[in-house]
Amino acid sequence: MHTDQVVLAVAVAVLVVALVLVIVAAVVVGRHVRDLRSLVDQLRGEIVPAAVRAQTAADHAATELERVGDVLGSAEAVSATVDSASRLVYRAFANPAVKTVAFATGVDGALRRLFARRSRVGR
């Protein structure tokens, strides 16, 4: 054999070995890609329903927060109304009530003096 033929035979052998290694690597990578696809499909099957449940829970929480906000607004309005009404009642009845109590106290004092004098005189 000539040197050219030996070099050609060695090159062909090296190419065949390289081709076999590439084919083996492609098969191994293909298996890993299939495994990864299977894992991704499994994760999608679990994550998508979980995301839907999370979105539903978030929507429900937002609705409840709106309701709580409405209730707080109503409570504030009621509180303001009660405060205004109590001030109005105080202003309307405070002065007459004080005058009535003063009058009753004055009448009581006058009656005590009157009856106290009569009891002294009657002795």
PDB file of N, CA and C in Angstrom:
ATOM      1  N   MET A   1       0.817  -1.160   0.000  1.00  0.00           N
ATOM      2  CA  MET A   1       0.000   0.000   0.000  1.00  0.00           C
ATOM      3  C   MET A   1       0.867   1.232   0.000  1.00  0.00           C
ATOM      4  N   HIS A   2       0.304   2.171  -0.623  1.00  0.00           N
ATOM      5  CA  HIS A   2       1.051   3.422  -0.701  1.00  0.00           C
ATOM      6  C   HIS A   2       0.684   4.313   0.471  1.00  0.00           C
ATOM      7  N   THR A   3       1.453   5.257   0.686  1.00  0.00           N
ATOM      8  CA  THR A   3       1.265   6.187   1.775  1.00  0.00           C
ATOM      9  C   THR A   3      -0.071   6.914   1.618  1.00  0.00           C
ATOM     10  N   ASP A   4      -0.410   7.233   0.391  1.00  0.00           N
ATOM     11  CA  ASP A   4      -1.667   7.931   0.155  1.00  0.00           C
ATOM     12  C   ASP A   4      -2.842   7.043   0.541  1.00  0.00           C
ATOM     13  N   GLN A   5      -2.727   5.767   0.246  1.00  0.00           N
ATOM     14  CA  GLN A   5      -3.801   4.849   0.577  1.00  0.00           C
ATOM     15  C   GLN A   5      -3.924   4.644   2.089  1.00  0.00           C
ATOM     16  N   VAL A   6      -2.781   4.601   2.791  1.00  0.00           N
ATOM     17  CA  VAL A   6      -2.786   4.448   4.239  1.00  0.00           C
ATOM     18  C   VAL A   6      -3.427   5.687   4.878  1.00  0.00           C
ATOM     19  N   VAL A   7      -3.043   6.834   4.413  1.00  0.00           N
ATOM     20  CA  VAL A   7      -3.585   8.075   4.943  1.00  0.00           C
ATOM     21  C   VAL A   7      -5.090   8.120   4.675  1.00  0.00           C
ATOM     22  N   LEU A   8      -5.494   7.698   3.486  1.00  0.00           N
ATOM     23  CA  LEU A   8      -6.899   7.698   3.138  1.00  0.00           C
ATOM     24  C   LEU A   8      -7.674   6.699   4.009  1.00  0.00           C
ATOM     25  N   ALA A   9      -7.089   5.526   4.262  1.00  0.00           N
ATOM     26  CA  ALA A   9      -7.743   4.512   5.093  1.00  0.00           C
ATOM     27  C   ALA A   9      -7.881   5.000   6.532  1.00  0.00           C
ATOM     28  N   VAL A  10      -6.827   5.639   7.056  1.00  0.00           N
ATOM     29  CA  VAL A  10      -6.868   6.182   8.417  1.00  0.00           C
ATOM     30  C   VAL A  10      -7.915   7.302   8.497  1.00  0.00           C
ATOM     31  N   ALA A  11      -7.976   8.138   7.490  1.00  0.00           N
ATOM     32  CA  ALA A  11      -8.938   9.237   7.473  1.00  0.00           C
ATOM     33  C   ALA A  11     -10.367   8.687   7.435  1.00  0.00           C
ATOM     34  N   VAL A  12     -10.583   7.641   6.612  1.00  0.00           N
ATOM     35  CA  VAL A  12     -11.899   7.037   6.519  1.00  0.00           C
ATOM     36  C   VAL A  12     -12.281   6.403   7.862  1.00  0.00           C
ATOM     37  N   ALA A  13     -11.339   5.737   8.519  1.00  0.00           N
ATOM     38  CA  ALA A  13     -11.596   5.118   9.817  1.00  0.00           C
ATOM     39  C   ALA A  13     -11.938   6.179  10.854  1.00  0.00           C
ATOM     40  N   VAL A  14     -11.156   7.249  10.856  1.00  0.00           N
ATOM     41  CA  VAL A  14     -11.421   8.351  11.791  1.00  0.00           C
ATOM     42  C   VAL A  14     -12.798   8.939  11.513  1.00  0.00           C
ATOM     43  N   LEU A  15     -13.169   9.129  10.250  1.00  0.00           N
ATOM     44  CA  LEU A  15     -14.478   9.672   9.899  1.00  0.00           C
ATOM     45  C   LEU A  15     -15.605   8.727  10.316  1.00  0.00           C
ATOM     46  N   VAL A  16     -15.373   7.403  10.130  1.00  0.00           N
ATOM     47  CA  VAL A  16     -16.392   6.439  10.526  1.00  0.00           C
ATOM     48  C   VAL A  16     -16.595   6.473  12.044  1.00  0.00           C
ATOM     49  N   VAL A  17     -15.478   6.509  12.798  1.00  0.00           N
ATOM     50  CA  VAL A  17     -15.571   6.585  14.264  1.00  0.00           C
ATOM     51  C   VAL A  17     -16.259   7.884  14.674  1.00  0.00           C
ATOM     52  N   ALA A  18     -15.904   8.986  14.041  1.00  0.00           N
ATOM     53  CA  ALA A  18     -16.521  10.280  14.357  1.00  0.00           C
ATOM     54  C   ALA A  18     -18.004  10.242  14.035  1.00  0.00           C
ATOM     55  N   LEU A  19     -18.376   9.611  12.887  1.00  0.00           N
ATOM     56  CA  LEU A  19     -19.772   9.512  12.513  1.00  0.00           C
ATOM     57  C   LEU A  19     -20.545   8.663  13.521  1.00  0.00           C
ATOM     58  N   VAL A  20     -19.951   7.569  13.976  1.00  0.00           N
ATOM     59  CA  VAL A  20     -20.592   6.727  14.975  1.00  0.00           C
ATOM     60  C   VAL A  20     -20.774   7.509  16.274  1.00  0.00           C
ATOM     61  N   LEU A  21     -19.766   8.263  16.698  1.00  0.00           N
ATOM     62  CA  LEU A  21     -19.869   9.081  17.914  1.00  0.00           C
ATOM     63  C   LEU A  21     -20.959  10.142  17.774  1.00  0.00           C
ATOM     64  N   VAL A  22     -21.064  10.756  16.612  1.00  0.00           N
ATOM     65  CA  VAL A  22     -22.099  11.768  16.383  1.00  0.00           C
ATOM     66  C   VAL A  22     -23.482  11.123  16.440  1.00  0.00           C
ATOM     67  N   ILE A  23     -23.606   9.932  15.849  1.00  0.00           N
ATOM     68  CA  ILE A  23     -24.895   9.238  15.872  1.00  0.00           C
ATOM     69  C   ILE A  23     -25.263   8.861  17.302  1.00  0.00           C
ATOM     70  N   VAL A  24     -24.306   8.335  18.063  1.00  0.00           N
ATOM     71  CA  VAL A  24     -24.561   7.989  19.465  1.00  0.00           C
ATOM     72  C   VAL A  24     -24.945   9.242  20.248  1.00  0.00           C
ATOM     73  N   ALA A  25     -24.218  10.319  20.042  1.00  0.00           N
ATOM     74  CA  ALA A  25     -24.521  11.575  20.744  1.00  0.00           C
ATOM     75  C   ALA A  25     -25.920  12.071  20.365  1.00  0.00           C
ATOM     76  N   ALA A  26     -26.291  11.952  19.077  1.00  0.00           N
ATOM     77  CA  ALA A  26     -27.614  12.392  18.635  1.00  0.00           C
ATOM     78  C   ALA A  26     -28.707  11.556  19.286  1.00  0.00           C
ATOM     79  N   VAL A  27     -28.466  10.251  19.395  1.00  0.00           N
ATOM     80  CA  VAL A  27     -29.455   9.380  20.033  1.00  0.00           C
ATOM     81  C   VAL A  27     -29.607   9.747  21.504  1.00  0.00           C
ATOM     82  N   VAL A  28     -28.480   9.959  22.206  1.00  0.00           N
ATOM     83  CA  VAL A  28     -28.530  10.318  23.624  1.00  0.00           C
ATOM     84  C   VAL A  28     -29.227  11.664  23.807  1.00  0.00           C
ATOM     85  N   VAL A  29     -28.873  12.627  22.991  1.00  0.00           N
ATOM     86  CA  VAL A  29     -29.512  13.947  23.081  1.00  0.00           C
ATOM     87  C   VAL A  29     -31.001  13.832  22.759  1.00  0.00           C
ATOM     88  N   GLY A  30     -31.360  13.015  21.785  1.00  0.00           N
ATOM     89  CA  GLY A  30     -32.773  12.812  21.447  1.00  0.00           C
ATOM     90  C   GLY A  30     -33.555  12.243  22.612  1.00  0.00           C
ATOM     91  N   ARG A  31     -32.968  11.276  23.326  1.00  0.00           N
ATOM     92  CA  ARG A  31     -33.633  10.714  24.509  1.00  0.00           C
ATOM     93  C   ARG A  31     -33.829  11.784  25.586  1.00  0.00           C
ATOM     94  N   HIS A  32     -32.794  12.571  25.800  1.00  0.00           N
ATOM     95  CA  HIS A  32     -32.898  13.633  26.806  1.00  0.00           C
ATOM     96  C   HIS A  32     -33.948  14.669  26.400  1.00  0.00           C
ATOM     97  N   VAL A  33     -34.019  14.984  25.124  1.00  0.00           N
ATOM     98  CA  VAL A  33     -35.022  15.947  24.649  1.00  0.00           C
ATOM     99  C   VAL A  33     -36.422  15.382  24.865  1.00  0.00           C
ATOM    100  N   ARG A  34     -36.633  14.090  24.580  1.00  0.00           N
ATOM    101  CA  ARG A  34     -37.934  13.471  24.828  1.00  0.00           C
ATOM    102  C   ARG A  34     -38.279  13.499  26.312  1.00  0.00           C
ATOM    103  N   ASP A  35     -37.277  13.197  27.155  1.00  0.00           N
ATOM    104  CA  ASP A  35     -37.505  13.251  28.607  1.00  0.00           C
ATOM    105  C   ASP A  35     -37.884  14.665  29.048  1.00  0.00           C
ATOM    106  N   LEU A  36     -37.167  15.641  28.505  1.00  0.00           N
ATOM    107  CA  LEU A  36     -37.466  17.036  28.851  1.00  0.00           C
ATOM    108  C   LEU A  36     -38.859  17.445  28.378  1.00  0.00           C
ATOM    109  N   ARG A  37     -39.240  17.000  27.172  1.00  0.00           N
ATOM    110  CA  ARG A  37     -40.595  17.305  26.684  1.00  0.00           C
ATOM    111  C   ARG A  37     -41.641  16.685  27.582  1.00  0.00           C
ATOM    112  N   SER A  38     -41.401  15.459  27.985  1.00  0.00           N
ATOM    113  CA  SER A  38     -42.333  14.793  28.892  1.00  0.00           C
ATOM    114  C   SER A  38     -42.438  15.553  30.202  1.00  0.00           C
ATOM    115  N   LEU A  39     -41.313  15.984  30.734  1.00  0.00           N
ATOM    116  CA  LEU A  39     -41.308  16.745  31.990  1.00  0.00           C
ATOM    117  C   LEU A  39     -42.024  18.084  31.826  1.00  0.00           C
ATOM    118  N   VAL A  40     -41.794  18.752  30.707  1.00  0.00           N
ATOM    119  CA  VAL A  40     -42.452  20.039  30.442  1.00  0.00           C
ATOM    120  C   VAL A  40     -43.961  19.836  30.332  1.00  0.00           C
ATOM    121  N   ASP A  41     -44.386  18.786  29.633  1.00  0.00           N
ATOM    122  CA  ASP A  41     -45.825  18.514  29.529  1.00  0.00           C
ATOM    123  C   ASP A  41     -46.423  18.226  30.898  1.00  0.00           C
ATOM    124  N   GLN A  42     -45.705  17.476  31.717  1.00  0.00           N
ATOM    125  CA  GLN A  42     -46.185  17.174  33.069  1.00  0.00           C
ATOM    126  C   GLN A  42     -46.285  18.453  33.898  1.00  0.00           C
ATOM    127  N   LEU A  43     -45.269  19.311  33.807  1.00  0.00           N
ATOM    128  CA  LEU A  43     -45.299  20.572  34.540  1.00  0.00           C
ATOM    129  C   LEU A  43     -46.444  21.464  34.066  1.00  0.00           C
ATOM    130  N   ARG A  44     -46.668  21.492  32.760  1.00  0.00           N
ATOM    131  CA  ARG A  44     -47.796  22.280  32.236  1.00  0.00           C
ATOM    132  C   ARG A  44     -49.110  21.755  32.790  1.00  0.00           C
ATOM    133  N   GLY A  45     -49.222  20.442  32.867  1.00  0.00           N
ATOM    134  CA  GLY A  45     -50.439  19.845  33.398  1.00  0.00           C
ATOM    135  C   GLY A  45     -50.677  20.203  34.849  1.00  0.00           C
ATOM    136  N   GLU A  46     -49.628  20.461  35.602  1.00  0.00           N
ATOM    137  CA  GLU A  46     -49.768  20.826  37.011  1.00  0.00           C
ATOM    138  C   GLU A  46     -49.806  22.332  37.225  1.00  0.00           C
ATOM    139  N   ILE A  47     -49.008  23.064  36.463  1.00  0.00           N
ATOM    140  CA  ILE A  47     -48.879  24.510  36.688  1.00  0.00           C
ATOM    141  C   ILE A  47     -50.085  25.276  36.156  1.00  0.00           C
ATOM    142  N   VAL A  48     -50.596  24.895  35.010  1.00  0.00           N
ATOM    143  CA  VAL A  48     -51.720  25.643  34.429  1.00  0.00           C
ATOM    144  C   VAL A  48     -52.942  25.599  35.357  1.00  0.00           C
ATOM    145  N   PRO A  49     -53.353  24.411  35.867  1.00  0.00           N
ATOM    146  CA  PRO A  49     -54.484  24.439  36.811  1.00  0.00           C
ATOM    147  C   PRO A  49     -54.165  25.216  38.087  1.00  0.00           C
ATOM    148  N   ALA A  50     -52.925  25.119  38.556  1.00  0.00           N
ATOM    149  CA  ALA A  50     -52.552  25.879  39.760  1.00  0.00           C
ATOM    150  C   ALA A  50     -52.630  27.379  39.488  1.00  0.00           C
ATOM    151  N   ALA A  51     -52.197  27.793  38.321  1.00  0.00           N
ATOM    152  CA  ALA A  51     -52.273  29.221  37.977  1.00  0.00           C
ATOM    153  C   ALA A  51     -53.727  29.673  37.861  1.00  0.00           C
ATOM    154  N   VAL A  52     -54.577  28.813  37.313  1.00  0.00           N
ATOM    155  CA  VAL A  52     -56.001  29.151  37.208  1.00  0.00           C
ATOM    156  C   VAL A  52     -56.606  29.282  38.603  1.00  0.00           C
ATOM    157  N   ARG A  53     -56.258  28.340  39.512  1.00  0.00           N
ATOM    158  CA  ARG A  53     -56.768  28.423  40.880  1.00  0.00           C
ATOM    159  C   ARG A  53     -56.251  29.685  41.572  1.00  0.00           C
ATOM    160  N   ALA A  54     -54.994  30.025  41.348  1.00  0.00           N
ATOM    161  CA  ALA A  54     -54.432  31.236  41.959  1.00  0.00           C
ATOM    162  C   ALA A  54     -55.139  32.488  41.433  1.00  0.00           C
ATOM    163  N   GLN A  55     -55.429  32.510  40.134  1.00  0.00           N
ATOM    164  CA  GLN A  55     -56.131  33.653  39.554  1.00  0.00           C
ATOM    165  C   GLN A  55     -57.541  33.761  40.126  1.00  0.00           C
ATOM    166  N   THR A  56     -58.194  32.615  40.275  1.00  0.00           N
ATOM    167  CA  THR A  56     -59.540  32.610  40.854  1.00  0.00           C
ATOM    168  C   THR A  56     -59.512  33.129  42.289  1.00  0.00           C
ATOM    169  N   ALA A  57     -58.528  32.663  43.054  1.00  0.00           N
ATOM    170  CA  ALA A  57     -58.403  33.126  44.444  1.00  0.00           C
ATOM    171  C   ALA A  57     -58.116  34.624  44.500  1.00  0.00           C
ATOM    172  N   ALA A  58     -57.274  35.107  43.606  1.00  0.00           N
ATOM    173  CA  ALA A  58     -56.963  36.541  43.577  1.00  0.00           C
ATOM    174  C   ALA A  58     -58.202  37.358  43.206  1.00  0.00           C
ATOM    175  N   ASP A  59     -58.983  36.863  42.249  1.00  0.00           N
ATOM    176  CA  ASP A  59     -60.218  37.561  41.880  1.00  0.00           C
ATOM    177  C   ASP A  59     -61.201  37.583  43.046  1.00  0.00           C
ATOM    178  N   HIS A  60     -61.312  36.464  43.739  1.00  0.00           N
ATOM    179  CA  HIS A  60     -62.212  36.386  44.895  1.00  0.00           C
ATOM    180  C   HIS A  60     -61.756  37.354  45.989  1.00  0.00           C
ATOM    181  N   ALA A  61     -60.443  37.388  46.227  1.00  0.00           N
ATOM    182  CA  ALA A  61     -59.913  38.304  47.246  1.00  0.00           C
ATOM    183  C   ALA A  61     -60.174  39.758  46.855  1.00  0.00           C
ATOM    184  N   ALA A  62     -60.026  40.077  45.581  1.00  0.00           N
ATOM    185  CA  ALA A  62     -60.280  41.451  45.129  1.00  0.00           C
ATOM    186  C   ALA A  62     -61.751  41.819  45.332  1.00  0.00           C
ATOM    187  N   THR A  63     -62.646  40.867  45.042  1.00  0.00           N
ATOM    188  CA  THR A  63     -64.080  41.108  45.248  1.00  0.00           C
ATOM    189  C   THR A  63     -64.381  41.336  46.720  1.00  0.00           C
ATOM    190  N   GLU A  64     -63.791  40.505  47.579  1.00  0.00           N
ATOM    191  CA  GLU A  64     -64.015  40.660  49.019  1.00  0.00           C
ATOM    192  C   GLU A  64     -63.453  41.992  49.521  1.00  0.00           C
ATOM    193  N   LEU A  65     -62.306  42.404  48.996  1.00  0.00           N
ATOM    194  CA  LEU A  65     -61.744  43.699  49.398  1.00  0.00           C
ATOM    195  C   LEU A  65     -62.654  44.850  48.987  1.00  0.00           C
ATOM    196  N   GLU A  66     -63.274  44.727  47.822  1.00  0.00           N
ATOM    197  CA  GLU A  66     -64.226  45.761  47.409  1.00  0.00           C
ATOM    198  C   GLU A  66     -65.409  45.808  48.373  1.00  0.00           C
ATOM    199  N   ARG A  67     -65.892  44.629  48.757  1.00  0.00           N
ATOM    200  CA  ARG A  67     -67.008  44.587  49.711  1.00  0.00           C
ATOM    201  C   ARG A  67     -66.610  45.203  51.044  1.00  0.00           C
ATOM    202  N   VAL A  68     -65.415  44.864  51.515  1.00  0.00           N
ATOM    203  CA  VAL A  68     -64.946  45.425  52.785  1.00  0.00           C
ATOM    204  C   VAL A  68     -64.829  46.940  52.669  1.00  0.00           C
ATOM    205  N   GLY A  69     -64.335  47.410  51.534  1.00  0.00           N
ATOM    206  CA  GLY A  69     -64.247  48.852  51.312  1.00  0.00           C
ATOM    207  C   GLY A  69     -65.613  49.515  51.345  1.00  0.00           C
ATOM    208  N   ASP A  70     -66.594  48.852  50.718  1.00  0.00           N
ATOM    209  CA  ASP A  70     -67.965  49.390  50.749  1.00  0.00           C
ATOM    210  C   ASP A  70     -68.510  49.416  52.171  1.00  0.00           C
ATOM    211  N   VAL A  71     -68.274  48.340  52.918  1.00  0.00           N
ATOM    212  CA  VAL A  71     -68.758  48.287  54.301  1.00  0.00           C
ATOM    213  C   VAL A  71     -68.098  49.380  55.136  1.00  0.00           C
ATOM    214  N   LEU A  72     -66.793  49.559  54.960  1.00  0.00           N
ATOM    215  CA  LEU A  72     -66.100  50.616  55.706  1.00  0.00           C
ATOM    216  C   LEU A  72     -66.634  51.993  55.336  1.00  0.00           C
ATOM    217  N   GLY A  73     -66.903  52.192  54.064  1.00  0.00           N
ATOM    218  CA  GLY A  73     -67.479  53.472  53.642  1.00  0.00           C
ATOM    219  C   GLY A  73     -68.837  53.706  54.271  1.00  0.00           C
ATOM    220  N   SER A  74     -69.657  52.651  54.301  1.00  0.00           N
ATOM    221  CA  SER A  74     -70.977  52.778  54.935  1.00  0.00           C
ATOM    222  C   SER A  74     -70.841  53.037  56.428  1.00  0.00           C
ATOM    223  N   ALA A  75     -69.907  52.341  57.069  1.00  0.00           N
ATOM    224  CA  ALA A  75     -69.706  52.553  58.510  1.00  0.00           C
ATOM    225  C   ALA A  75     -69.249  53.973  58.794  1.00  0.00           C
ATOM    226  N   GLU A  76     -68.382  54.506  57.953  1.00  0.00           N
ATOM    227  CA  GLU A  76     -67.937  55.888  58.142  1.00  0.00           C
ATOM    228  C   GLU A  76     -69.098  56.853  57.962  1.00  0.00           C
ATOM    229  N   ALA A  77     -69.958  56.589  56.979  1.00  0.00           N
ATOM    230  CA  ALA A  77     -71.103  57.463  56.753  1.00  0.00           C
ATOM    231  C   ALA A  77     -72.063  57.411  57.946  1.00  0.00           C
ATOM    232  N   VAL A  78     -72.311  56.214  58.461  1.00  0.00           N
ATOM    233  CA  VAL A  78     -73.191  56.064  59.626  1.00  0.00           C
ATOM    234  C   VAL A  78     -72.587  56.769  60.828  1.00  0.00           C
ATOM    235  N   SER A  79     -71.293  56.604  61.018  1.00  0.00           N
ATOM    236  CA  SER A  79     -70.616  57.257  62.147  1.00  0.00           C
ATOM    237  C   SER A  79     -70.727  58.772  62.044  1.00  0.00           C
ATOM    238  N   ALA A  80     -70.530  59.292  60.849  1.00  0.00           N
ATOM    239  CA  ALA A  80     -70.647  60.743  60.672  1.00  0.00           C
ATOM    240  C   ALA A  80     -72.082  61.203  60.932  1.00  0.00           C
ATOM    241  N   THR A  81     -73.060  60.416  60.491  1.00  0.00           N
ATOM    242  CA  THR A  81     -74.463  60.775  60.709  1.00  0.00           C
ATOM    243  C   THR A  81     -74.807  60.753  62.193  1.00  0.00           C
ATOM    244  N   VAL A  82     -74.354  59.707  62.886  1.00  0.00           N
ATOM    245  CA  VAL A  82     -74.619  59.614  64.329  1.00  0.00           C
ATOM    246  C   VAL A  82     -73.939  60.757  65.062  1.00  0.00           C
ATOM    247  N   ASP A  83     -72.726  61.086  64.656  1.00  0.00           N
ATOM    248  CA  ASP A  83     -72.014  62.194  65.298  1.00  0.00           C
ATOM    249  C   ASP A  83     -72.772  63.503  65.090  1.00  0.00           C
ATOM    250  N   SER A  84     -73.221  63.737  63.879  1.00  0.00           N
ATOM    251  CA  SER A  84     -73.984  64.959  63.605  1.00  0.00           C
ATOM    252  C   SER A  84     -75.290  64.979  64.395  1.00  0.00           C
ATOM    253  N   ALA A  85     -75.964  63.829  64.439  1.00  0.00           N
ATOM    254  CA  ALA A  85     -77.235  63.763  65.169  1.00  0.00           C
ATOM    255  C   ALA A  85     -77.021  63.994  66.657  1.00  0.00           C
ATOM    256  N   SER A  86     -75.957  63.425  67.219  1.00  0.00           N
ATOM    257  CA  SER A  86     -75.717  63.620  68.652  1.00  0.00           C
ATOM    258  C   SER A  86     -75.382  65.075  68.949  1.00  0.00           C
ATOM    259  N   ARG A  87     -74.657  65.724  68.066  1.00  0.00           N
ATOM    260  CA  ARG A  87     -74.381  67.153  68.272  1.00  0.00           C
ATOM    261  C   ARG A  87     -75.662  67.972  68.198  1.00  0.00           C
ATOM    262  N   LEU A  88     -76.515  67.597  67.240  1.00  0.00           N
ATOM    263  CA  LEU A  88     -77.782  68.308  67.098  1.00  0.00           C
ATOM    264  C   LEU A  88     -78.657  68.116  68.343  1.00  0.00           C
ATOM    265  N   VAL A  89     -78.741  66.898  68.825  1.00  0.00           N
ATOM    266  CA  VAL A  89     -79.537  66.628  70.028  1.00  0.00           C
ATOM    267  C   VAL A  89     -78.953  67.372  71.215  1.00  0.00           C
ATOM    268  N   TYR A  90     -77.652  67.373  71.351  1.00  0.00           N
ATOM    269  CA  TYR A  90     -77.015  68.097  72.460  1.00  0.00           C
ATOM    270  C   TYR A  90     -77.351  69.580  72.395  1.00  0.00           C
ATOM    271  N   ARG A  91     -77.211  70.156  71.199  1.00  0.00           N
ATOM    272  CA  ARG A  91     -77.495  71.580  71.062  1.00  0.00           C
ATOM    273  C   ARG A  91     -78.966  71.878  71.308  1.00  0.00           C
ATOM    274  N   ALA A  92     -79.838  70.960  70.877  1.00  0.00           N
ATOM    275  CA  ALA A  92     -81.271  71.217  71.011  1.00  0.00           C
ATOM    276  C   ALA A  92     -81.743  71.072  72.462  1.00  0.00           C
ATOM    277  N   PHE A  93     -81.179  70.110  73.207  1.00  0.00           N
ATOM    278  CA  PHE A  93     -81.700  69.826  74.538  1.00  0.00           C
ATOM    279  C   PHE A  93     -80.814  70.277  75.689  1.00  0.00           C
ATOM    280  N   ALA A  94     -79.594  70.632  75.436  1.00  0.00           N
ATOM    281  CA  ALA A  94     -78.685  70.988  76.535  1.00  0.00           C
ATOM    282  C   ALA A  94     -79.168  72.229  77.274  1.00  0.00           C
ATOM    283  N   ASN A  95     -79.436  73.290  76.576  1.00  0.00           N
ATOM    284  CA  ASN A  95     -79.840  74.541  77.216  1.00  0.00           C
ATOM    285  C   ASN A  95     -81.202  74.391  77.919  1.00  0.00           C
ATOM    286  N   PRO A  96     -82.212  73.832  77.268  1.00  0.00           N
ATOM    287  CA  PRO A  96     -83.480  73.653  77.995  1.00  0.00           C
ATOM    288  C   PRO A  96     -83.350  72.689  79.170  1.00  0.00           C
ATOM    289  N   ALA A  97     -82.554  71.662  79.026  1.00  0.00           N
ATOM    290  CA  ALA A  97     -82.393  70.720  80.136  1.00  0.00           C
ATOM    291  C   ALA A  97     -81.730  71.396  81.318  1.00  0.00           C
ATOM    292  N   VAL A  98     -80.713  72.213  81.047  1.00  0.00           N
ATOM    293  CA  VAL A  98     -80.042  72.934  82.136  1.00  0.00           C
ATOM    294  C   VAL A  98     -81.024  73.893  82.802  1.00  0.00           C
ATOM    295  N   LYS A  99     -81.826  74.564  82.001  1.00  0.00           N
ATOM    296  CA  LYS A  99     -82.806  75.496  82.574  1.00  0.00           C
ATOM    297  C   LYS A  99     -83.850  74.754  83.391  1.00  0.00           C
ATOM    298  N   THR A 100     -84.289  73.576  82.906  1.00  0.00           N
ATOM    299  CA  THR A 100     -85.279  72.788  83.647  1.00  0.00           C
ATOM    300  C   THR A 100     -84.713  72.305  84.964  1.00  0.00           C
ATOM    301  N   VAL A 101     -83.474  71.825  84.946  1.00  0.00           N
ATOM    302  CA  VAL A 101     -82.841  71.357  86.186  1.00  0.00           C
ATOM    303  C   VAL A 101     -82.669  72.529  87.150  1.00  0.00           C
ATOM    304  N   ALA A 102     -82.263  73.671  86.627  1.00  0.00           N
ATOM    305  CA  ALA A 102     -82.106  74.847  87.489  1.00  0.00           C
ATOM    306  C   ALA A 102     -83.450  75.269  88.075  1.00  0.00           C
ATOM    307  N   PHE A 103     -84.476  75.238  87.261  1.00  0.00           N
ATOM    308  CA  PHE A 103     -85.805  75.598  87.743  1.00  0.00           C
ATOM    309  C   PHE A 103     -86.265  74.611  88.818  1.00  0.00           C
ATOM    310  N   ALA A 104     -86.074  73.312  88.552  1.00  0.00           N
ATOM    311  CA  ALA A 104     -86.485  72.292  89.527  1.00  0.00           C
ATOM    312  C   ALA A 104     -85.707  72.441  90.823  1.00  0.00           C
ATOM    313  N   THR A 105     -84.436  72.739  90.719  1.00  0.00           N
ATOM    314  CA  THR A 105     -83.632  72.943  91.918  1.00  0.00           C
ATOM    315  C   THR A 105     -84.118  74.170  92.681  1.00  0.00           C
ATOM    316  N   GLY A 106     -84.417  75.207  91.947  1.00  0.00           N
ATOM    317  CA  GLY A 106     -84.928  76.418  92.597  1.00  0.00           C
ATOM    318  C   GLY A 106     -86.261  76.166  93.276  1.00  0.00           C
ATOM    319  N   VAL A 107     -87.179  75.460  92.597  1.00  0.00           N
ATOM    320  CA  VAL A 107     -88.484  75.146  93.191  1.00  0.00           C
ATOM    321  C   VAL A 107     -88.294  74.268  94.413  1.00  0.00           C
ATOM    322  N   ASP A 108     -87.397  73.269  94.309  1.00  0.00           N
ATOM    323  CA  ASP A 108     -87.129  72.383  95.450  1.00  0.00           C
ATOM    324  C   ASP A 108     -86.614  73.186  96.635  1.00  0.00           C
ATOM    325  N   GLY A 109     -85.661  74.082  96.374  1.00  0.00           N
ATOM    326  CA  GLY A 109     -85.131  74.921  97.464  1.00  0.00           C
ATOM    327  C   GLY A 109     -86.214  75.796  98.074  1.00  0.00           C
ATOM    328  N   ALA A 110     -87.073  76.368  97.209  1.00  0.00           N
ATOM    329  CA  ALA A 110     -88.142  77.229  97.708  1.00  0.00           C
ATOM    330  C   ALA A 110     -89.141  76.428  98.539  1.00  0.00           C
ATOM    331  N   LEU A 111     -89.486  75.229  98.048  1.00  0.00           N
ATOM    332  CA  LEU A 111     -90.425  74.392  98.809  1.00  0.00           C
ATOM    333  C   LEU A 111     -89.833  73.953 100.140  1.00  0.00           C
ATOM    334  N   ARG A 112     -88.582  73.633 100.174  1.00  0.00           N
ATOM    335  CA  ARG A 112     -87.929  73.243 101.435  1.00  0.00           C
ATOM    336  C   ARG A 112     -87.976  74.410 102.427  1.00  0.00           C
ATOM    337  N   ARG A 113     -87.684  75.603 101.935  1.00  0.00           N
ATOM    338  CA  ARG A 113     -87.703  76.757 102.834  1.00  0.00           C
ATOM    339  C   ARG A 113     -89.120  77.033 103.330  1.00  0.00           C
ATOM    340  N   LEU A 114     -90.037  76.891 102.391  1.00  0.00           N
ATOM    341  CA  LEU A 114     -91.417  77.153 102.760  1.00  0.00           C
ATOM    342  C   LEU A 114     -91.907  76.156 103.807  1.00  0.00           C
ATOM    343  N   PHE A 115     -91.654  74.888 103.574  1.00  0.00           N
ATOM    344  CA  PHE A 115     -92.078  73.866 104.538  1.00  0.00           C
ATOM    345  C   PHE A 115     -91.244  73.897 105.801  1.00  0.00           C
ATOM    346  N   ALA A 116     -90.012  74.306 105.701  1.00  0.00           N
ATOM    347  CA  ALA A 116     -89.175  74.416 106.894  1.00  0.00           C
ATOM    348  C   ALA A 116     -89.692  75.524 107.790  1.00  0.00           C
ATOM    349  N   ARG A 117     -90.179  76.625 107.266  1.00  0.00           N
ATOM    350  CA  ARG A 117     -90.716  77.729 108.048  1.00  0.00           C
ATOM    351  C   ARG A 117     -92.036  77.331 108.699  1.00  0.00           C
ATOM    352  N   ARG A 118     -92.859  76.592 107.952  1.00  0.00           N
ATOM    353  CA  ARG A 118     -94.142  76.187 108.485  1.00  0.00           C
ATOM    354  C   ARG A 118     -93.946  75.201 109.642  1.00  0.00           C
ATOM    355  N   SER A 119     -92.976  74.333 109.475  1.00  0.00           N
ATOM    356  CA  SER A 119     -92.773  73.362 110.579  1.00  0.00           C
ATOM    357  C   SER A 119     -92.227  74.073 111.804  1.00  0.00           C
ATOM    358  N   ARG A 120     -91.470  75.135 111.649  1.00  0.00           N
ATOM    359  CA  ARG A 120     -90.957  75.883 112.793  1.00  0.00           C
ATOM    360  C   ARG A 120     -92.082  76.665 113.456  1.00  0.00           C
ATOM    361  N   VAL A 121     -92.961  77.219 112.592  1.00  0.00           N
ATOM    362  CA  VAL A 121     -94.049  78.034 113.103  1.00  0.00           C
ATOM    363  C   VAL A 121     -95.066  77.145 113.829  1.00  0.00           C
ATOM    364  N   GLY A 122     -95.311  75.922 113.325  1.00  0.00           N
ATOM    365  CA  GLY A 122     -96.295  75.039 113.889  1.00  0.00           C
ATOM    366  C   GLY A 122     -95.834  74.408 115.175  1.00  0.00           C
ATOM    367  N   ARG A 123     -94.690  74.530 115.625  1.00  0.00           N
ATOM    368  CA  ARG A 123     -94.192  73.899 116.864  1.00  0.00           C
ATOM    369  C   ARG A 123     -94.557  74.616 118.043  1.00  0.00           C
TER     370      ARG A 123
END
